[in-house]
Amino acid sequence: MKPKYEQQMKKGVLEMLVLQLLTEKEKYGYQLICELKEKSGGMFLLKEGTLYPILYRMEGDGLVVSRWSQPKGKEVSKKYYQLEEEGRDTLEELKELWQTFSGNVDSILGSRAGAEDGCT
């Protein structure tokens, strides 16, 4: 697949996927990057420079809140993100939109060539 097409398709679903991962429990950025990679079979291989602006934007929109962990021993402090109620509501809206969107795309992709289109 051409990288520019793949990149555009991924861009449209990243917020929804991050919100979904945060429904399970609070997570820090690198943990989200690893889970996206693992659960997508490597398709969603993000760099920090891609994920963190999404997290900052979602935090600014009130979808998530963040907190810094207290370092233990030689551990460094990590910034954890947690889903807010507004984020849960937005995720449900995004899921509904995705179902409608993907269903319509599938309908077009699965349509027979030369079939009546209903327009005259």
Protein backbone atom coordinates (compact mmCIF):
# COMPACT_ATOMS: atom_id res chain seq x y z
CA MET A 1 0.00 0.00 0.00
CA LYS A 2 1.25 3.49 -0.70
CA PRO A 3 2.35 5.12 2.55
CA LYS A 4 0.43 8.36 1.99
CA TYR A 5 -2.91 6.52 1.69
CA GLU A 6 -2.22 4.35 4.71
CA GLN A 7 -1.17 7.40 6.74
CA GLN A 8 -4.39 9.24 5.90
CA MET A 9 -6.55 6.27 6.84
CA LYS A 10 -4.75 5.78 10.15
CA LYS A 11 -4.99 9.46 11.00
CA GLY A 12 -8.77 9.28 11.02
CA VAL A 13 -9.01 6.55 13.66
CA LEU A 14 -6.16 7.18 16.08
CA GLU A 15 -8.16 9.21 18.61
CA MET A 16 -10.86 6.55 18.70
CA LEU A 17 -8.29 3.77 19.24
CA VAL A 18 -6.47 5.65 22.00
CA LEU A 19 -9.76 6.36 23.78
CA GLN A 20 -10.67 2.67 23.48
CA LEU A 21 -7.37 1.57 25.05
CA LEU A 22 -7.96 3.98 27.92
CA THR A 23 -11.33 2.41 28.76
CA GLU A 24 -9.50 -0.50 30.37
CA LYS A 25 -7.40 1.53 32.83
CA GLU A 26 -5.10 4.54 32.97
CA LYS A 27 -1.96 4.21 30.85
CA TYR A 28 1.19 6.15 30.04
CA GLY A 29 2.23 7.14 26.53
CA TYR A 30 4.78 4.44 25.78
CA GLN A 31 2.35 1.81 27.07
CA LEU A 32 -0.25 3.08 24.57
CA ILE A 33 2.30 2.97 21.75
CA CYS A 34 3.16 -0.65 22.58
CA GLU A 35 -0.46 -1.74 22.85
CA LEU A 36 -1.42 -0.08 19.57
CA LYS A 37 1.45 -1.87 17.85
CA GLU A 38 0.72 -5.23 19.48
CA LYS A 39 -3.06 -5.23 19.07
CA SER A 40 -2.88 -4.09 15.44
CA GLY A 41 -0.28 -6.62 14.35
CA GLY A 42 2.19 -3.79 13.76
CA MET A 43 -0.06 -1.65 11.59
CA PHE A 44 -0.26 1.14 14.17
CA LEU A 45 3.43 1.70 14.84
CA LEU A 46 3.43 5.23 16.26
CA LYS A 47 6.23 7.54 17.20
CA GLU A 48 5.98 9.61 20.35
CA GLY A 49 5.74 12.71 18.17
CA THR A 50 2.49 11.36 16.75
CA LEU A 51 0.85 10.12 19.95
CA TYR A 52 1.60 12.94 22.39
CA PRO A 53 -0.06 15.74 20.38
CA ILE A 54 -3.18 13.54 20.24
CA LEU A 55 -3.09 13.04 24.02
CA TYR A 56 -2.52 16.77 24.64
CA ARG A 57 -5.41 17.67 22.35
CA MET A 58 -7.70 15.14 24.03
CA GLU A 59 -6.68 16.51 27.42
CA GLY A 60 -7.42 20.05 26.25
CA ASP A 61 -10.84 18.90 25.03
CA GLY A 62 -11.63 17.35 28.43
CA LEU A 63 -11.67 13.78 27.12
CA VAL A 64 -8.77 12.60 29.32
CA VAL A 65 -6.92 13.80 32.40
CA SER A 66 -3.29 13.17 33.22
CA ARG A 67 -1.27 12.70 36.36
CA TRP A 68 2.39 12.13 37.11
CA SER A 69 3.34 8.99 39.00
CA GLN A 70 5.57 9.11 42.04
CA PRO A 71 8.95 7.57 41.16
CA LYS A 72 9.91 4.51 43.18
CA GLY A 73 13.58 3.79 43.66
CA LYS A 74 15.39 4.31 40.37
CA GLU A 75 12.12 4.46 38.41
CA VAL A 76 11.37 7.69 36.59
CA SER A 77 8.06 9.48 36.94
CA LYS A 78 5.54 8.66 34.20
CA LYS A 79 2.60 10.68 32.94
CA TYR A 80 -0.55 8.57 33.05
CA TYR A 81 -3.70 9.35 31.09
CA GLN A 82 -7.19 8.42 32.28
CA LEU A 83 -10.47 8.58 30.41
CA GLU A 84 -13.01 11.15 31.60
CA GLU A 85 -16.79 10.75 31.25
CA GLU A 86 -16.69 13.16 28.29
CA GLY A 87 -14.11 10.85 26.70
CA ARG A 88 -16.38 7.83 27.17
CA ASP A 89 -19.27 9.69 25.55
CA THR A 90 -17.06 10.81 22.67
CA LEU A 91 -15.78 7.26 22.18
CA GLU A 92 -19.33 5.96 21.87
CA GLU A 93 -20.12 8.67 19.30
CA LEU A 94 -16.94 7.84 17.37
CA LYS A 95 -17.78 4.13 17.37
CA GLU A 96 -21.25 4.82 15.96
CA LEU A 97 -19.77 7.12 13.33
CA TRP A 98 -17.16 4.47 12.45
CA GLN A 99 -19.83 1.79 12.04
CA THR A 100 -21.82 4.02 9.69
CA PHE A 101 -18.73 5.18 7.82
CA SER A 102 -17.17 1.74 7.38
CA GLY A 103 -20.53 0.22 6.44
CA ASN A 104 -21.00 2.78 3.69
CA VAL A 105 -17.44 2.30 2.43
CA ASP A 106 -17.95 -1.47 2.40
CA SER A 107 -21.20 -0.99 0.51
CA ILE A 108 -19.44 1.01 -2.18
CA LEU A 109 -16.43 -1.30 -2.36
CA GLY A 110 -18.65 -4.34 -2.55
CA SER A 111 -21.00 -2.97 -5.18
CA ARG A 112 -20.94 -4.65 -8.58
CA ALA A 113 -19.39 -2.78 -11.47
CA GLY A 114 -22.04 -1.54 -13.85
CA ALA A 115 -24.87 -2.04 -11.36
CA GLU A 116 -27.75 0.41 -11.41
CA ASP A 117 -26.86 3.37 -9.26
CA GLY A 118 -30.35 4.72 -8.91
CA CYS A 119 -29.44 8.04 -10.50
CA THR A 120 -30.81 8.88 -13.93
